[in-house]
PDB file of N, CA and C in Angstrom:
ATOM      1  N   MET A   1     -51.166 158.684  47.446  1.00  0.00           N
ATOM      2  CA  MET A   1     -51.338 156.921  48.043  1.00  0.00           C
ATOM      3  C   MET A   1     -50.926 157.382  49.754  1.00  0.00           C
ATOM      4  N   ALA A   2     -50.050 158.111  49.653  1.00  0.00           N
ATOM      5  CA  ALA A   2     -49.428 159.582  51.009  1.00  0.00           C
ATOM      6  C   ALA A   2     -50.641 159.698  51.544  1.00  0.00           C
ATOM      7  N   GLY A   3     -51.289 160.564  51.085  1.00  0.00           N
ATOM      8  CA  GLY A   3     -52.954 161.032  52.177  1.00  0.00           C
ATOM      9  C   GLY A   3     -53.384 160.051  52.467  1.00  0.00           C
ATOM     10  N   LEU A   4     -53.593 158.862  51.470  1.00  0.00           N
ATOM     11  CA  LEU A   4     -54.579 158.088  51.447  1.00  0.00           C
ATOM     12  C   LEU A   4     -54.192 157.299  53.087  1.00  0.00           C
ATOM     13  N   TRP A   5     -53.141 156.634  53.114  1.00  0.00           N
ATOM     14  CA  TRP A   5     -52.097 156.563  53.489  1.00  0.00           C
ATOM     15  C   TRP A   5     -51.543 157.510  55.594  1.00  0.00           C
ATOM     16  N   LYS A   6     -51.640 158.367  54.914  1.00  0.00           N
ATOM     17  CA  LYS A   6     -51.888 159.143  56.011  1.00  0.00           C
ATOM     18  C   LYS A   6     -49.988 159.141  56.545  1.00  0.00           C
ATOM     19  N   LEU A   7     -49.467 158.282  55.816  1.00  0.00           N
ATOM     20  CA  LEU A   7     -47.642 158.570  55.337  1.00  0.00           C
ATOM     21  C   LEU A   7     -46.526 159.993  55.754  1.00  0.00           C
ATOM     22  N   PRO A   8     -45.875 159.434  56.485  1.00  0.00           N
ATOM     23  CA  PRO A   8     -45.335 160.986  57.291  1.00  0.00           C
ATOM     24  C   PRO A   8     -43.932 160.967  56.740  1.00  0.00           C
ATOM     25  N   ILE A   9     -44.818 162.114  55.669  1.00  0.00           N
ATOM     26  CA  ILE A   9     -44.315 162.869  54.561  1.00  0.00           C
ATOM     27  C   ILE A   9     -44.060 164.041  54.430  1.00  0.00           C
ATOM     28  N   ILE A  10     -42.848 164.854  54.368  1.00  0.00           N
ATOM     29  CA  ILE A  10     -42.514 166.202  54.036  1.00  0.00           C
ATOM     30  C   ILE A  10     -42.547 166.560  52.592  1.00  0.00           C
ATOM     31  N   TYR A  11     -42.911 167.118  51.947  1.00  0.00           N
ATOM     32  CA  TYR A  11     -42.911 167.751  50.434  1.00  0.00           C
ATOM     33  C   TYR A  11     -42.392 168.738  50.314  1.00  0.00           C
ATOM     34  N   LEU A  12     -41.101 169.109  50.027  1.00  0.00           N
ATOM     35  CA  LEU A  12     -40.559 170.494  49.881  1.00  0.00           C
ATOM     36  C   LEU A  12     -40.129 171.023  49.040  1.00  0.00           C
ATOM     37  N   CYS A  13     -40.739 172.519  48.261  1.00  0.00           N
ATOM     38  CA  CYS A  13     -40.383 172.939  47.046  1.00  0.00           C
ATOM     39  C   CYS A  13     -39.548 173.902  47.329  1.00  0.00           C
ATOM     40  N   GLU A  14     -38.291 173.821  46.921  1.00  0.00           N
ATOM     41  CA  GLU A  14     -37.588 174.606  47.132  1.00  0.00           C
ATOM     42  C   GLU A  14     -37.576 175.120  45.517  1.00  0.00           C
ATOM     43  N   ASN A  15     -38.365 177.280  46.310  1.00  0.00           N
ATOM     44  CA  ASN A  15     -38.470 177.997  44.972  1.00  0.00           C
ATOM     45  C   ASN A  15     -38.130 178.812  44.676  1.00  0.00           C
ATOM     46  N   ASN A  16     -37.259 178.824  43.478  1.00  0.00           N
ATOM     47  CA  ASN A  16     -35.693 180.586  43.559  1.00  0.00           C
ATOM     48  C   ASN A  16     -36.298 180.910  42.656  1.00  0.00           C
ATOM     49  N   THR A  17     -37.603 180.972  42.484  1.00  0.00           N
ATOM     50  CA  THR A  17     -38.485 182.055  41.674  1.00  0.00           C
ATOM     51  C   THR A  17     -37.512 182.091  40.040  1.00  0.00           C
ATOM     52  N   TYR A  18     -36.758 181.084  39.338  1.00  0.00           N
ATOM     53  CA  TYR A  18     -36.568 180.909  38.059  1.00  0.00           C
ATOM     54  C   TYR A  18     -36.264 180.051  37.674  1.00  0.00           C
ATOM     55  N   GLY A  19     -37.239 179.413  36.639  1.00  0.00           N
ATOM     56  CA  GLY A  19     -36.433 178.699  35.888  1.00  0.00           C
ATOM     57  C   GLY A  19     -34.859 178.467  35.031  1.00  0.00           C
ATOM     58  N   MET A  20     -35.340 177.919  33.910  1.00  0.00           N
ATOM     59  CA  MET A  20     -33.912 177.975  33.345  1.00  0.00           C
ATOM     60  C   MET A  20     -34.567 178.907  32.200  1.00  0.00           C
ATOM     61  N   GLY A  21     -33.950 180.388  32.532  1.00  0.00           N
ATOM     62  CA  GLY A  21     -33.694 181.233  32.185  1.00  0.00           C
ATOM     63  C   GLY A  21     -35.750 182.034  31.406  1.00  0.00           C
ATOM     64  N   THR A  22     -36.149 181.388  32.141  1.00  0.00           N
ATOM     65  CA  THR A  22     -37.422 182.293  32.534  1.00  0.00           C
ATOM     66  C   THR A  22     -38.272 182.487  34.458  1.00  0.00           C
ATOM     67  N   SER A  23     -38.968 184.052  34.876  1.00  0.00           N
ATOM     68  CA  SER A  23     -40.026 183.267  36.158  1.00  0.00           C
ATOM     69  C   SER A  23     -40.663 182.803  35.875  1.00  0.00           C
ATOM     70  N   GLN A  24     -41.216 181.892  36.926  1.00  0.00           N
ATOM     71  CA  GLN A  24     -42.527 181.977  37.264  1.00  0.00           C
ATOM     72  C   GLN A  24     -43.172 182.633  36.876  1.00  0.00           C
ATOM     73  N   ASP A  25     -43.267 183.664  36.981  1.00  0.00           N
ATOM     74  CA  ASP A  25     -44.643 184.093  36.872  1.00  0.00           C
ATOM     75  C   ASP A  25     -44.726 184.087  35.184  1.00  0.00           C
ATOM     76  N   ARG A  26     -44.194 183.905  34.447  1.00  0.00           N
ATOM     77  CA  ARG A  26     -44.427 183.484  33.323  1.00  0.00           C
ATOM     78  C   ARG A  26     -44.023 182.530  32.746  1.00  0.00           C
ATOM     79  N   SER A  27     -43.835 181.068  34.064  1.00  0.00           N
ATOM     80  CA  SER A  27     -44.397 180.013  33.418  1.00  0.00           C
ATOM     81  C   SER A  27     -44.810 178.902  34.096  1.00  0.00           C
ATOM     82  N   SER A  28     -46.080 179.690  34.828  1.00  0.00           N
ATOM     83  CA  SER A  28     -46.652 178.816  35.581  1.00  0.00           C
ATOM     84  C   SER A  28     -47.729 179.754  35.809  1.00  0.00           C
ATOM     85  N   PHE A  29     -49.017 179.588  35.288  1.00  0.00           N
ATOM     86  CA  PHE A  29     -50.046 180.102  36.336  1.00  0.00           C
ATOM     87  C   PHE A  29     -51.096 180.095  37.183  1.00  0.00           C
ATOM     88  N   ASN A  30     -50.278 179.418  38.346  1.00  0.00           N
ATOM     89  CA  ASN A  30     -50.382 179.261  39.086  1.00  0.00           C
ATOM     90  C   ASN A  30     -49.241 179.026  40.114  1.00  0.00           C
ATOM     91  N   THR A  31     -48.885 180.213  40.936  1.00  0.00           N
ATOM     92  CA  THR A  31     -47.708 180.074  41.746  1.00  0.00           C
ATOM     93  C   THR A  31     -47.320 179.559  42.863  1.00  0.00           C
ATOM     94  N   LYS A  32     -48.760 179.739  43.663  1.00  0.00           N
ATOM     95  CA  LYS A  32     -48.455 179.253  44.685  1.00  0.00           C
ATOM     96  C   LYS A  32     -49.228 177.568  44.457  1.00  0.00           C
ATOM     97  N   PHE A  33     -47.249 176.875  44.320  1.00  0.00           N
ATOM     98  CA  PHE A  33     -46.857 175.822  44.070  1.00  0.00           C
ATOM     99  C   PHE A  33     -47.249 174.692  45.799  1.00  0.00           C
ATOM    100  N   TYR A  34     -46.861 175.463  46.976  1.00  0.00           N
ATOM    101  CA  TYR A  34     -47.560 174.632  47.801  1.00  0.00           C
ATOM    102  C   TYR A  34     -49.151 174.129  47.704  1.00  0.00           C
ATOM    103  N   ALA A  35     -50.078 174.703  47.979  1.00  0.00           N
ATOM    104  CA  ALA A  35     -51.320 174.794  47.172  1.00  0.00           C
ATOM    105  C   ALA A  35     -51.504 173.542  46.599  1.00  0.00           C
ATOM    106  N   ARG A  36     -51.092 173.378  46.116  1.00  0.00           N
ATOM    107  CA  ARG A  36     -51.019 172.170  44.391  1.00  0.00           C
ATOM    108  C   ARG A  36     -51.542 171.370  44.960  1.00  0.00           C
ATOM    109  N   GLY A  37     -50.650 170.577  46.622  1.00  0.00           N
ATOM    110  CA  GLY A  37     -51.037 169.427  46.434  1.00  0.00           C
ATOM    111  C   GLY A  37     -53.036 168.683  46.612  1.00  0.00           C
ATOM    112  N   ASP A  38     -54.027 169.417  47.179  1.00  0.00           N
ATOM    113  CA  ASP A  38     -55.320 169.069  46.507  1.00  0.00           C
ATOM    114  C   ASP A  38     -55.428 168.622  48.197  1.00  0.00           C
ATOM    115  N   LEU A  39     -55.514 167.442  48.973  1.00  0.00           N
ATOM    116  CA  LEU A  39     -56.161 167.139  49.699  1.00  0.00           C
ATOM    117  C   LEU A  39     -55.101 167.324  50.865  1.00  0.00           C
ATOM    118  N   ILE A  40     -54.081 167.296  50.530  1.00  0.00           N
ATOM    119  CA  ILE A  40     -52.640 167.252  51.706  1.00  0.00           C
ATOM    120  C   ILE A  40     -51.984 169.032  51.463  1.00  0.00           C
ATOM    121  N   PRO A  41     -52.244 169.652  53.133  1.00  0.00           N
ATOM    122  CA  PRO A  41     -52.338 170.618  53.650  1.00  0.00           C
ATOM    123  C   PRO A  41     -51.010 171.851  53.234  1.00  0.00           C
ATOM    124  N   GLY A  42     -50.219 172.512  52.916  1.00  0.00           N
ATOM    125  CA  GLY A  42     -49.436 173.287  52.148  1.00  0.00           C
ATOM    126  C   GLY A  42     -49.408 174.594  53.497  1.00  0.00           C
ATOM    127  N   PHE A  43     -47.612 175.229  53.686  1.00  0.00           N
ATOM    128  CA  PHE A  43     -47.978 176.684  53.303  1.00  0.00           C
ATOM    129  C   PHE A  43     -46.188 177.108  52.620  1.00  0.00           C
ATOM    130  N   LYS A  44     -46.718 177.898  52.514  1.00  0.00           N
ATOM    131  CA  LYS A  44     -45.064 178.830  52.113  1.00  0.00           C
ATOM    132  C   LYS A  44     -44.910 179.469  53.529  1.00  0.00           C
ATOM    133  N   ILE A  45     -43.273 179.507  53.271  1.00  0.00           N
ATOM    134  CA  ILE A  45     -42.153 180.033  54.370  1.00  0.00           C
ATOM    135  C   ILE A  45     -41.192 181.135  53.085  1.00  0.00           C
ATOM    136  N   GLU A  46     -40.305 181.374  54.081  1.00  0.00           N
ATOM    137  CA  GLU A  46     -39.122 182.200  54.004  1.00  0.00           C
ATOM    138  C   GLU A  46     -37.374 181.423  53.680  1.00  0.00           C
ATOM    139  N   GLY A  47     -37.111 180.844  52.681  1.00  0.00           N
ATOM    140  CA  GLY A  47     -36.479 179.822  52.681  1.00  0.00           C
ATOM    141  C   GLY A  47     -35.548 180.397  53.487  1.00  0.00           C
ATOM    142  N   GLN A  48     -34.838 181.816  53.282  1.00  0.00           N
ATOM    143  CA  GLN A  48     -33.981 182.632  53.031  1.00  0.00           C
ATOM    144  C   GLN A  48     -33.794 182.586  54.556  1.00  0.00           C
ATOM    145  N   ASN A  49     -34.800 182.380  55.081  1.00  0.00           N
ATOM    146  CA  ASN A  49     -34.306 182.893  56.589  1.00  0.00           C
ATOM    147  C   ASN A  49     -34.368 180.905  57.526  1.00  0.00           C
ATOM    148  N   VAL A  50     -32.404 181.318  57.752  1.00  0.00           N
ATOM    149  CA  VAL A  50     -32.011 179.725  58.206  1.00  0.00           C
ATOM    150  C   VAL A  50     -33.170 179.035  59.306  1.00  0.00           C
ATOM    151  N   LEU A  51     -33.537 180.517  60.807  1.00  0.00           N
ATOM    152  CA  LEU A  51     -33.901 179.781  61.607  1.00  0.00           C
ATOM    153  C   LEU A  51     -35.200 179.922  61.454  1.00  0.00           C
ATOM    154  N   MET A  52     -36.278 180.304  60.138  1.00  0.00           N
ATOM    155  CA  MET A  52     -36.953 179.891  60.789  1.00  0.00           C
ATOM    156  C   MET A  52     -37.634 178.418  59.153  1.00  0.00           C
ATOM    157  N   VAL A  53     -36.528 177.959  58.926  1.00  0.00           N
ATOM    158  CA  VAL A  53     -36.642 176.226  57.851  1.00  0.00           C
ATOM    159  C   VAL A  53     -36.294 175.429  59.223  1.00  0.00           C
ATOM    160  N   LYS A  54     -34.964 176.116  59.971  1.00  0.00           N
ATOM    161  CA  LYS A  54     -35.103 174.952  60.788  1.00  0.00           C
ATOM    162  C   LYS A  54     -36.066 174.965  62.134  1.00  0.00           C
ATOM    163  N   GLU A  55     -37.102 175.934  63.129  1.00  0.00           N
ATOM    164  CA  GLU A  55     -37.906 175.547  63.482  1.00  0.00           C
ATOM    165  C   GLU A  55     -39.008 174.689  62.787  1.00  0.00           C
ATOM    166  N   THR A  56     -39.023 175.396  61.634  1.00  0.00           N
ATOM    167  CA  THR A  56     -40.333 174.606  60.213  1.00  0.00           C
ATOM    168  C   THR A  56     -40.317 173.585  60.377  1.00  0.00           C
ATOM    169  N   ILE A  57     -39.013 173.286  59.646  1.00  0.00           N
ATOM    170  CA  ILE A  57     -38.684 171.173  59.926  1.00  0.00           C
ATOM    171  C   ILE A  57     -38.837 170.564  61.355  1.00  0.00           C
ATOM    172  N   LYS A  58     -38.822 171.484  61.985  1.00  0.00           N
ATOM    173  CA  LYS A  58     -38.713 170.399  62.956  1.00  0.00           C
ATOM    174  C   LYS A  58     -40.631 170.808  64.011  1.00  0.00           C
ATOM    175  N   TRP A  59     -41.253 171.264  63.655  1.00  0.00           N
ATOM    176  CA  TRP A  59     -42.364 171.229  63.988  1.00  0.00           C
ATOM    177  C   TRP A  59     -43.012 170.603  62.216  1.00  0.00           C
ATOM    178  N   ALA A  60     -42.482 170.145  62.089  1.00  0.00           N
ATOM    179  CA  ALA A  60     -43.364 169.890  59.646  1.00  0.00           C
ATOM    180  C   ALA A  60     -42.894 167.707  60.549  1.00  0.00           C
ATOM    181  N   GLY A  61     -41.865 167.655  61.514  1.00  0.00           N
ATOM    182  CA  GLY A  61     -41.578 165.930  61.274  1.00  0.00           C
ATOM    183  C   GLY A  61     -42.764 165.572  62.220  1.00  0.00           C
ATOM    184  N   ALA A  62     -42.940 166.206  63.734  1.00  0.00           N
ATOM    185  CA  ALA A  62     -43.335 165.787  64.426  1.00  0.00           C
ATOM    186  C   ALA A  62     -45.322 165.969  64.085  1.00  0.00           C
ATOM    187  N   TYR A  63     -45.716 166.834  63.132  1.00  0.00           N
ATOM    188  CA  TYR A  63     -46.998 167.553  62.561  1.00  0.00           C
ATOM    189  C   TYR A  63     -47.096 165.684  61.437  1.00  0.00           C
ATOM    190  N   VAL A  64     -46.250 165.827  60.827  1.00  0.00           N
ATOM    191  CA  VAL A  64     -47.008 164.337  59.603  1.00  0.00           C
ATOM    192  C   VAL A  64     -46.893 163.054  60.250  1.00  0.00           C
ATOM    193  N   VAL A  65     -46.067 162.734  61.894  1.00  0.00           N
ATOM    194  CA  VAL A  65     -46.194 161.404  61.809  1.00  0.00           C
ATOM    195  C   VAL A  65     -47.392 161.348  62.869  1.00  0.00           C
ATOM    196  N   GLU A  66     -47.797 162.526  63.532  1.00  0.00           N
ATOM    197  CA  GLU A  66     -49.725 163.282  63.598  1.00  0.00           C
ATOM    198  C   GLU A  66     -50.577 162.384  62.754  1.00  0.00           C
ATOM    199  N   ASN A  67     -50.492 163.333  61.476  1.00  0.00           N
ATOM    200  CA  ASN A  67     -51.120 163.628  60.133  1.00  0.00           C
ATOM    201  C   ASN A  67     -51.104 162.883  58.979  1.00  0.00           C
ATOM    202  N   GLY A  68     -50.198 163.304  59.031  1.00  0.00           N
ATOM    203  CA  GLY A  68     -49.514 162.145  57.451  1.00  0.00           C
ATOM    204  C   GLY A  68     -49.161 163.868  56.597  1.00  0.00           C
ATOM    205  N   PRO A  69     -48.912 163.413  55.650  1.00  0.00           N
ATOM    206  CA  PRO A  69     -48.230 164.062  54.030  1.00  0.00           C
ATOM    207  C   PRO A  69     -48.758 165.645  54.502  1.00  0.00           C
ATOM    208  N   LEU A  70     -47.608 166.739  54.381  1.00  0.00           N
ATOM    209  CA  LEU A  70     -48.049 168.064  54.441  1.00  0.00           C
ATOM    210  C   LEU A  70     -46.561 168.838  53.191  1.00  0.00           C
ATOM    211  N   PHE A  71     -47.022 169.616  52.343  1.00  0.00           N
ATOM    212  CA  PHE A  71     -46.185 170.293  51.314  1.00  0.00           C
ATOM    213  C   PHE A  71     -45.908 171.389  51.410  1.00  0.00           C
ATOM    214  N   ILE A  72     -44.369 171.550  51.531  1.00  0.00           N
ATOM    215  CA  ILE A  72     -44.365 172.743  52.008  1.00  0.00           C
ATOM    216  C   ILE A  72     -43.336 173.575  50.739  1.00  0.00           C
ATOM    217  N   GLU A  73     -43.733 174.968  50.291  1.00  0.00           N
ATOM    218  CA  GLU A  73     -42.904 175.622  50.388  1.00  0.00           C
ATOM    219  C   GLU A  73     -41.755 176.447  49.835  1.00  0.00           C
ATOM    220  N   MET A  74     -40.497 176.600  50.047  1.00  0.00           N
ATOM    221  CA  MET A  74     -40.014 177.170  50.712  1.00  0.00           C
ATOM    222  C   MET A  74     -39.355 178.415  49.356  1.00  0.00           C
ATOM    223  N   SER A  75     -39.161 179.760  49.799  1.00  0.00           N
ATOM    224  CA  SER A  75     -39.304 180.881  49.041  1.00  0.00           C
ATOM    225  C   SER A  75     -37.875 180.936  49.312  1.00  0.00           C
ATOM    226  N   THR A  76     -36.701 180.752  47.487  1.00  0.00           N
ATOM    227  CA  THR A  76     -35.229 181.282  48.321  1.00  0.00           C
ATOM    228  C   THR A  76     -35.482 182.269  46.464  1.00  0.00           C
ATOM    229  N   TYR A  77     -33.802 182.336  46.911  1.00  0.00           N
ATOM    230  CA  TYR A  77     -33.931 183.433  45.313  1.00  0.00           C
ATOM    231  C   TYR A  77     -31.929 182.745  44.940  1.00  0.00           C
ATOM    232  N   ARG A  78     -32.148 183.343  43.388  1.00  0.00           N
ATOM    233  CA  ARG A  78     -30.692 181.994  42.879  1.00  0.00           C
ATOM    234  C   ARG A  78     -30.027 183.385  42.560  1.00  0.00           C
ATOM    235  N   TYR A  79     -29.064 183.503  42.950  1.00  0.00           N
ATOM    236  CA  TYR A  79     -28.338 184.445  42.449  1.00  0.00           C
ATOM    237  C   TYR A  79     -27.263 184.573  41.805  1.00  0.00           C
ATOM    238  N   HIS A  80     -27.694 183.280  40.908  1.00  0.00           N
ATOM    239  CA  HIS A  80     -26.035 182.847  39.423  1.00  0.00           C
ATOM    240  C   HIS A  80     -27.263 182.092  38.300  1.00  0.00           C
ATOM    241  N   GLY A  81     -26.656 181.862  37.560  1.00  0.00           N
ATOM    242  CA  GLY A  81     -27.211 180.874  36.650  1.00  0.00           C
ATOM    243  C   GLY A  81     -27.353 179.680  37.053  1.00  0.00           C
ATOM    244  N   HIS A  82     -28.112 178.914  36.078  1.00  0.00           N
ATOM    245  CA  HIS A  82     -28.310 176.722  36.847  1.00  0.00           C
ATOM    246  C   HIS A  82     -26.708 176.655  35.839  1.00  0.00           C
ATOM    247  N   SER A  83     -26.030 177.274  34.513  1.00  0.00           N
ATOM    248  CA  SER A  83     -25.241 176.451  33.739  1.00  0.00           C
ATOM    249  C   SER A  83     -23.696 177.257  33.284  1.00  0.00           C
ATOM    250  N   MET A  84     -23.152 177.063  32.819  1.00  0.00           N
ATOM    251  CA  MET A  84     -22.171 177.849  32.142  1.00  0.00           C
ATOM    252  C   MET A  84     -23.682 178.900  31.292  1.00  0.00           C
ATOM    253  N   SER A  85     -24.273 177.678  30.629  1.00  0.00           N
ATOM    254  CA  SER A  85     -24.573 178.459  29.200  1.00  0.00           C
ATOM    255  C   SER A  85     -25.902 179.278  30.324  1.00  0.00           C
ATOM    256  N   ASP A  86     -26.193 179.519  30.910  1.00  0.00           N
ATOM    257  CA  ASP A  86     -27.148 180.710  31.163  1.00  0.00           C
ATOM    258  C   ASP A  86     -26.799 181.166  32.438  1.00  0.00           C
ATOM    259  N   PRO A  87     -26.049 181.943  32.460  1.00  0.00           N
ATOM    260  CA  PRO A  87     -25.194 183.034  32.825  1.00  0.00           C
ATOM    261  C   PRO A  87     -26.543 184.060  34.067  1.00  0.00           C
ATOM    262  N   GLY A  88     -27.413 184.176  34.048  1.00  0.00           N
ATOM    263  CA  GLY A  88     -28.498 184.863  35.346  1.00  0.00           C
ATOM    264  C   GLY A  88     -28.492 185.619  34.589  1.00  0.00           C
ATOM    265  N   ILE A  89     -28.384 186.519  33.520  1.00  0.00           N
ATOM    266  CA  ILE A  89     -28.002 188.219  33.521  1.00  0.00           C
ATOM    267  C   ILE A  89     -28.874 188.070  32.000  1.00  0.00           C
ATOM    268  N   THR A  90     -29.429 187.543  31.587  1.00  0.00           N
ATOM    269  CA  THR A  90     -30.745 187.836  30.543  1.00  0.00           C
ATOM    270  C   THR A  90     -31.876 188.192  30.384  1.00  0.00           C
ATOM    271  N   TYR A  91     -32.406 187.488  31.878  1.00  0.00           N
ATOM    272  CA  TYR A  91     -33.861 188.303  32.128  1.00  0.00           C
ATOM    273  C   TYR A  91     -34.000 188.796  32.850  1.00  0.00           C
ATOM    274  N   ARG A  92     -32.732 189.239  34.005  1.00  0.00           N
ATOM    275  CA  ARG A  92     -33.112 189.675  35.430  1.00  0.00           C
ATOM    276  C   ARG A  92     -32.514 190.927  35.339  1.00  0.00           C
ATOM    277  N   SER A  93     -31.904 192.129  35.769  1.00  0.00           N
ATOM    278  CA  SER A  93     -31.235 193.151  36.364  1.00  0.00           C
ATOM    279  C   SER A  93     -30.018 192.989  36.655  1.00  0.00           C
ATOM    280  N   LYS A  94     -28.860 193.766  36.879  1.00  0.00           N
ATOM    281  CA  LYS A  94     -27.845 192.969  38.117  1.00  0.00           C
ATOM    282  C   LYS A  94     -28.472 193.684  39.107  1.00  0.00           C
ATOM    283  N   GLU A  95     -29.606 194.751  39.534  1.00  0.00           N
ATOM    284  CA  GLU A  95     -29.991 195.711  40.858  1.00  0.00           C
ATOM    285  C   GLU A  95     -30.741 194.644  41.166  1.00  0.00           C
ATOM    286  N   GLU A  96     -31.300 193.838  40.693  1.00  0.00           N
ATOM    287  CA  GLU A  96     -32.743 192.777  40.989  1.00  0.00           C
ATOM    288  C   GLU A  96     -31.869 191.985  41.576  1.00  0.00           C
ATOM    289  N   VAL A  97     -31.060 191.252  41.132  1.00  0.00           N
ATOM    290  CA  VAL A  97     -30.158 190.091  42.084  1.00  0.00           C
ATOM    291  C   VAL A  97     -29.233 191.964  43.515  1.00  0.00           C
ATOM    292  N   ALA A  98     -28.716 192.266  43.566  1.00  0.00           N
ATOM    293  CA  ALA A  98     -28.109 193.401  44.300  1.00  0.00           C
ATOM    294  C   ALA A  98     -28.874 193.089  45.871  1.00  0.00           C
ATOM    295  N   GLY A  99     -30.245 193.755  45.070  1.00  0.00           N
ATOM    296  CA  GLY A  99     -31.668 194.610  46.117  1.00  0.00           C
ATOM    297  C   GLY A  99     -31.638 192.660  46.460  1.00  0.00           C
ATOM    298  N   ILE A 100     -31.682 192.372  46.595  1.00  0.00           N
ATOM    299  CA  ILE A 100     -31.975 190.455  47.149  1.00  0.00           C
ATOM    300  C   ILE A 100     -31.206 190.357  48.310  1.00  0.00           C
ATOM    301  N   ARG A 101     -29.774 190.591  47.593  1.00  0.00           N
ATOM    302  CA  ARG A 101     -28.626 189.927  48.817  1.00  0.00           C
ATOM    303  C   ARG A 101     -28.498 191.164  49.600  1.00  0.00           C
TER     304      ARG A 101
END
């Protein structure tokens, strides 16, 4: 409906590379989430870069007013587990987390 009516909507996927206890590569055949909008255009940016996020959202706001919906995937990294029952160390190494920091 958003595409059909050209609604000014920004769909945002914050992709932190891990679901509850598994990586996106083990849980999704297509990890290009920004491309799943079919006919709604999309792209991926580095969500850890606050200046890039700020400029992208400013640009995207103007874009959707003129052109309709847009899908943005922001790649980030989750440093901790999801909850007390998910310490976040059983499916990735401490070295991986330290390398991202």
